[in-house]
Amino acid sequence: MIKLIILIVGAYLVAKFWFGVDLAALIKKPAEAPIIKEAPVSLFNLKRYTDNSLQIAINHPLNWTVAPFGNELVIASTQEGINSENRKDQIRVAIKRILLTEGQTLEGYINSTQVEGVKITSRENVKLDNKPAIKVLRERDPPVEPPSQIIYVLHNGSVYALSATPADSELIPVFRQMLDSFEFLE
C-alpha cells in the first residue's frame, strides 16, 4: 500500500515539475448549470414585411401590429401603440417616404422639418441598407411628450424617415435590429 502511495505521489511530482502538467486541473469538475437569460423579443418569431408601394422590406417581431397608411407604414409593439407614443414598454415605428423638391438635399430636408418648440438634441451619420443616413434625436422644449429617434436616408429622389417613439423605450434594441434588416426593393 505504501508503495502504491509513493508511486502515485512520484507520478504527480514528475508530471507537475518535469512535464509542467497540473494533474489537479485535469480532474473534471461537475458541470455548472447554465445561466438562462430571457432573449430579446426580436430573436424569435420574426416576420418579413414587404411594402410594394414604399418599395421596402423590414423584419419585425411576429406578434407586432403592422398598419400601412399610403406613403407611411406603422409597426407597433401593441395594437394600442399604433396611435400611442407615450409608454416606455411600447414602441411605435413609422416609416415614411417624402418626395424631395428639385435640388433639395437630405440635410436641407431635415432642416426644413424643424418646427418651433422641437429641437434636435443629437445628430449622427449612420448607414441604412448600406446608404449614408442621418440619425437625429428630437425632443419637445419643454418636454411634454417622449423624444423621437429618426433615421433619414435618401433613396431614388425620396427621403425615407424611420422613426421610433418613444426614443427611450425599453424596445429600442428591437428597433435597431429592425433597422439592420431594412432594405430597399428597387
Foldseek 3Di string as FASTA:
>chain_A
DVVVVVVVVVVCCCCCPVVVDHVVVVDDDDDDDDDDDDDPQQVPQKDWDADVQCQKIWIAHNPWDWDDDRQKIKTKNDPVRCPDQADQQIKIKMKGKAADDPPADQVNVVVVPDDPQKDWPDKDWDAFQNFIWIWTWIAGVVHPGAIKIWIWGDDPRIIIIIIMGRPNHPCVVSVVNRRVRMDGND
